[in-house]
Amino acid sequence: MEPRTFSFLIDGEGRRFFGPGPLALLAGVRTTGSLSASAKAMGMSYTKAMRILHDAEHALGVPLTVRSIGGEKGGSSSLTPEGEDFL
């Protein structure tokens, strides 16, 4: 057995909006340059990843990523300066 501690951020209504999962998701965006690839590496659907990211951005009041859609090589994502600071 090994003790572990997890931290979560709670919004004004008592809902968790940031913890180990969203942290790993943003770290994956930093590494891969893609929200989709980060979600896939975690075994998470893109839709769920978007919801998690949206909830965190809404609670914090700042964008955490910049997303570009489509293009010849597909879309991409990167962290905003606030997203980098948050990590």
Protein backbone atom coordinates (compact mmCIF):
# COMPACT_ATOMS: atom_id res chain seq x y z
CA MET A 1 0.00 0.00 0.00
CA GLU A 2 1.18 3.51 -0.80
CA PRO A 3 -0.36 6.76 0.42
CA ARG A 4 -1.24 9.31 -2.26
CA THR A 5 -2.68 12.79 -2.19
CA PHE A 6 -4.68 14.40 -4.98
CA SER A 7 -5.57 18.07 -5.24
CA PHE A 8 -8.58 19.50 -7.01
CA LEU A 9 -9.76 23.01 -7.72
CA ILE A 10 -13.40 23.68 -6.87
CA ASP A 11 -15.55 26.37 -8.47
CA GLY A 12 -17.92 28.70 -6.60
CA GLU A 13 -20.71 26.13 -6.85
CA GLY A 14 -18.68 23.32 -5.29
CA ARG A 15 -17.91 21.48 -8.55
CA ARG A 16 -14.45 20.12 -9.26
CA PHE A 17 -13.06 21.64 -12.44
CA PHE A 18 -9.37 20.84 -12.32
CA GLY A 19 -7.35 17.94 -10.95
CA PRO A 20 -4.96 15.21 -12.10
CA GLY A 21 -6.92 14.36 -15.27
CA PRO A 22 -7.15 17.87 -16.70
CA LEU A 23 -3.54 18.44 -15.68
CA ALA A 24 -2.44 15.38 -17.68
CA LEU A 25 -4.61 16.51 -20.61
CA LEU A 26 -2.94 19.94 -20.74
CA ALA A 27 0.52 18.41 -20.33
CA GLY A 28 -0.29 16.16 -23.28
CA VAL A 29 -1.31 19.16 -25.38
CA ARG A 30 2.03 20.76 -24.54
CA THR A 31 3.87 17.59 -25.64
CA THR A 32 1.85 16.58 -28.70
CA GLY A 33 0.51 19.89 -29.98
CA SER A 34 -2.91 18.30 -30.21
CA LEU A 35 -5.89 18.04 -27.89
CA SER A 36 -7.09 15.03 -29.85
CA ALA A 37 -3.75 13.22 -29.52
CA SER A 38 -3.55 14.05 -25.82
CA ALA A 39 -7.06 12.71 -25.24
CA LYS A 40 -6.37 9.58 -27.29
CA ALA A 41 -3.19 8.86 -25.30
CA MET A 42 -5.29 9.00 -22.13
CA GLY A 43 -8.00 6.72 -23.55
CA MET A 44 -10.45 9.62 -23.52
CA SER A 45 -12.84 10.75 -26.23
CA TYR A 46 -12.19 14.09 -27.91
CA THR A 47 -15.67 15.23 -26.84
CA LYS A 48 -14.90 14.55 -23.18
CA ALA A 49 -11.54 16.33 -23.49
CA MET A 50 -13.27 19.38 -24.99
CA ARG A 51 -15.83 19.39 -22.15
CA ILE A 52 -13.10 19.17 -19.49
CA LEU A 53 -11.14 21.95 -21.14
CA HIS A 54 -14.22 24.14 -21.57
CA ASP A 55 -15.23 23.66 -17.92
CA ALA A 56 -11.74 24.61 -16.70
CA GLU A 57 -11.54 27.65 -18.97
CA HIS A 58 -15.01 28.78 -17.89
CA ALA A 59 -14.20 28.41 -14.18
CA LEU A 60 -10.85 30.19 -14.52
CA GLY A 61 -12.10 32.90 -16.86
CA VAL A 62 -9.13 32.54 -19.22
CA PRO A 63 -8.40 30.38 -22.26
CA LEU A 64 -5.89 27.60 -21.57
CA THR A 65 -5.36 26.55 -25.17
CA VAL A 66 -5.42 28.00 -28.65
CA ARG A 67 -6.94 25.67 -31.23
CA SER A 68 -6.71 25.79 -34.99
CA ILE A 69 -9.21 23.71 -36.92
CA GLY A 70 -8.60 21.71 -40.08
CA GLY A 71 -6.05 22.49 -42.68
CA GLU A 72 -3.92 20.19 -44.78
CA LYS A 73 -2.40 18.40 -41.78
CA GLY A 74 -5.47 18.68 -39.55
CA GLY A 75 -5.93 20.90 -36.54
CA SER A 76 -3.57 21.64 -33.72
CA SER A 77 -3.62 22.98 -30.17
CA SER A 78 -1.12 24.80 -28.04
CA LEU A 79 -1.17 26.24 -24.56
CA THR A 80 -1.80 29.94 -24.05
CA PRO A 81 0.56 31.81 -21.75
CA GLU A 82 -2.11 31.41 -19.05
CA GLY A 83 -2.23 27.67 -19.76
CA GLU A 84 1.54 27.44 -19.41
CA ASP A 85 1.44 29.40 -16.15
CA PHE A 86 -1.39 27.25 -14.88
CA LEU A 87 0.57 24.05 -15.46
